[in-house]
Protein backbone atom coordinates (compact mmCIF):
# COMPACT_ATOMS: atom_id res chain seq x y z
CA MET A 1 117.16 87.16 107.87
CA ILE A 2 118.42 89.98 105.47
CA LYS A 3 121.25 87.69 104.33
CA GLU A 4 118.97 84.82 103.56
CA ALA A 5 116.42 87.07 101.79
CA LEU A 6 119.13 88.39 99.57
CA LEU A 7 120.17 84.75 98.66
CA GLY A 8 116.67 84.07 97.75
CA LEU A 9 116.45 87.11 95.56
CA LEU A 10 119.71 86.18 93.81
CA ALA A 11 118.21 82.68 93.16
CA VAL A 12 115.71 84.41 90.92
CA ARG A 13 118.34 86.41 89.00
CA PRO A 14 121.73 88.05 89.36
CA MET A 15 121.36 91.77 90.64
CA HIS A 16 123.28 94.95 91.35
CA GLY A 17 123.29 95.98 95.08
CA TYR A 18 120.77 98.61 94.76
CA ASP A 19 118.47 96.41 92.72
CA LEU A 20 118.74 93.96 95.66
CA LYS A 21 117.62 96.70 98.05
CA ILE A 22 114.66 97.63 95.88
CA SER A 23 113.56 94.02 95.44
CA LEU A 24 113.96 93.37 99.19
CA ASP A 25 111.77 96.37 99.82
CA ARG A 26 109.06 95.00 97.43
CA VAL A 27 108.97 91.70 99.26
CA LEU A 28 108.61 93.38 102.66
CA GLY A 29 105.98 95.58 100.98
CA GLU A 30 104.64 98.64 103.02
CA THR A 31 105.43 96.96 106.36
CA SER A 32 109.10 97.46 106.53
CA LYS A 33 112.00 98.99 104.56
CA VAL A 34 115.54 98.14 104.82
CA ASN A 35 118.43 100.51 104.94
CA VAL A 36 120.67 100.50 101.91
CA GLY A 37 123.73 100.22 104.38
CA GLN A 38 122.24 97.06 105.88
CA VAL A 39 121.96 95.57 102.31
CA TYR A 40 125.51 96.43 101.35
CA THR A 41 126.90 95.13 104.66
CA ALA A 42 125.01 91.95 104.18
CA ILE A 43 126.27 91.72 100.56
CA SER A 44 129.89 92.13 101.77
CA LYS A 45 129.38 89.36 104.34
CA LEU A 46 127.80 87.04 101.75
CA GLU A 47 130.67 87.74 99.44
CA LYS A 48 133.38 86.98 101.98
CA GLU A 49 131.62 83.74 102.96
CA GLY A 50 131.52 82.73 99.37
CA LEU A 51 127.91 82.46 99.04
CA ILE A 52 127.61 85.15 96.45
CA ALA A 53 130.06 86.33 93.70
CA ALA A 54 130.35 89.54 91.69
CA ASP A 55 130.81 90.02 88.03
CA LEU A 56 131.58 93.43 86.51
CA VAL A 57 129.16 94.39 83.77
CA ALA A 58 130.31 97.09 81.20
CA ARG A 59 127.98 99.91 80.47
CA ASP A 60 127.90 102.48 77.83
CA GLU A 61 129.42 105.76 79.05
CA LYS A 62 129.25 104.70 82.78
CA PRO A 63 131.44 102.91 85.06
CA ASP A 64 131.31 99.10 85.19
CA MET A 65 128.52 97.69 87.37
CA LYS A 66 129.05 95.04 89.90
CA VAL A 67 126.30 92.49 89.66
CA PHE A 68 125.97 89.62 92.25
CA ARG A 69 124.98 86.07 91.61
CA LEU A 70 124.45 83.12 93.78
CA THR A 71 127.28 80.60 94.13
CA GLU A 72 126.82 76.81 94.55
CA ALA A 73 127.55 77.28 98.31
CA GLY A 74 124.97 80.04 98.30
CA ALA A 75 122.40 77.81 96.79
CA ARG A 76 123.11 75.02 99.43
CA GLU A 77 122.87 77.69 102.25
CA LEU A 78 119.53 78.92 100.84
CA GLN A 79 118.23 75.37 100.68
CA SER A 80 119.23 74.77 104.21
CA TRP A 81 117.44 78.07 105.27
CA PHE A 82 114.23 76.90 103.44
CA ALA A 83 114.34 73.40 105.01
CA ALA A 84 114.81 74.73 108.63
CA PRO A 85 111.81 75.93 110.73
CA VAL A 86 111.63 79.53 111.73
CA GLU A 87 112.18 79.71 115.54
CA LYS A 88 109.45 81.95 117.02
CA VAL A 89 109.47 81.33 120.69
CA ASP A 90 110.94 84.12 122.81
CA LEU A 91 110.05 83.96 126.47
CA ARG A 92 111.68 87.27 127.24
CA ASP A 93 108.40 89.15 126.34
CA GLU A 94 108.54 92.81 127.47
CA LEU A 95 104.80 92.93 128.27
CA PHE A 96 104.92 89.78 130.44
CA ILE A 97 107.95 91.24 132.34
CA LYS A 98 106.05 94.58 132.79
CA LEU A 99 102.86 92.97 134.06
CA THR A 100 104.77 90.60 136.29
CA LEU A 101 106.87 93.23 137.83
CA ALA A 102 103.91 95.69 138.20
CA SER A 103 101.95 92.80 139.93
CA ARG A 104 104.86 91.96 142.28
CA SER A 105 106.01 95.34 143.19
CA GLY A 106 102.68 97.26 143.51
CA VAL A 107 104.30 100.16 141.95
CA ALA A 108 102.06 100.27 138.93
CA ASP A 109 98.25 99.46 138.32
CA VAL A 110 98.19 96.13 136.36
CA ARG A 111 94.69 96.80 135.09
CA ALA A 112 95.80 100.20 133.79
CA ILE A 113 98.81 98.56 131.93
CA ILE A 114 96.25 95.88 130.49
CA ARG A 115 93.88 98.68 129.31
CA THR A 116 96.67 100.67 127.75
CA GLN A 117 98.05 97.60 126.03
CA ARG A 118 94.53 96.60 124.76
CA SER A 119 94.00 100.19 123.48
CA ALA A 120 97.29 100.14 121.63
CA ASN A 121 96.63 96.65 120.16
CA MET A 122 93.12 97.72 118.97
CA ALA A 123 94.63 100.85 117.28
CA ALA A 124 97.37 98.64 115.64
CA ILE A 125 94.75 96.13 114.49
CA LEU A 126 92.68 98.91 112.99
CA ALA A 127 95.73 100.40 111.19
CA LEU A 128 96.82 96.95 109.93
CA THR A 129 93.22 96.01 108.81
CA GLN A 130 93.27 99.26 106.72
CA LEU A 131 96.75 98.30 105.39
CA ARG A 132 95.61 94.80 104.51
CA GLU A 133 92.70 96.05 102.61
CA GLN A 134 94.84 98.63 100.72
CA MET A 135 97.30 95.82 99.77
CA GLU A 136 94.46 93.59 98.54
CA GLN A 137 93.14 96.45 96.48
CA GLN A 138 96.55 96.82 94.91
CA GLY A 139 96.77 93.06 94.41
CA ASP A 140 99.72 92.76 96.71
CA ASP A 141 98.68 89.29 98.19
CA ASP A 142 102.04 88.68 99.70
CA THR A 143 102.08 91.78 101.86
CA SER A 144 98.40 91.28 102.65
CA LEU A 145 99.23 87.73 103.96
CA LEU A 146 102.17 89.33 106.08
CA VAL A 147 99.83 91.92 107.51
CA GLU A 148 97.20 89.39 108.30
CA GLY A 149 99.65 87.39 110.31
CA ALA A 150 100.53 90.43 112.32
CA ILE A 151 96.75 90.85 113.04
CA LEU A 152 96.43 87.38 114.18
CA HIS A 153 99.30 87.78 116.55
CA LEU A 154 97.81 90.92 118.04
CA GLU A 155 94.52 89.10 118.44
CA ALA A 156 96.35 86.39 120.18
CA ASP A 157 98.06 88.99 122.44
CA MET A 158 94.50 90.31 123.26
CA GLN A 159 93.45 86.77 124.26
CA TRP A 160 96.51 86.40 126.38
CA LEU A 161 95.67 89.73 128.21
CA ASP A 162 92.15 88.33 128.99
CA LEU A 163 93.81 85.19 130.38
CA TRP A 164 96.11 87.39 132.45
CA GLU A 165 93.34 89.34 133.83
CA ARG A 166 91.23 86.33 134.70
CA ARG A 167 94.14 84.57 136.50
CA ARG A 168 95.47 87.62 138.22
CA GLY A 169 92.48 89.79 138.25
């Protein structure tokens, strides 16, 4: 996902590597920061794949700066990424595995696991609700939407815990 995000940022304008890192952090908002090493590793891969190219830009009294731009192949790759759906289904869910094995083995109390998870989810929902309100006050609608999506996922998890308890009670 980092590689595709960098391509998207370079579709806006050519940028230096550190500018790409800062811009990516802005897209992700307060929710997640990327390591500068991850960005430069991704840049190197994109350059080797011919999806981006670098130009040296002269600067007064400073070394030349490497500025990256999207290539035609990079623009096609970006369009393919935009056109493809995001695959979200992962049936290797840790909570499901934990509950299933606790239920089958009798080693742990399934109801206690559910209570603990509900408590953790509620705390996360509260923290995310505060973050969403903060982002809305700052006018950061993009991050606000991202956080709202995370809240909705947690609420769905809470409903799934209710279903688990009803069926496995």
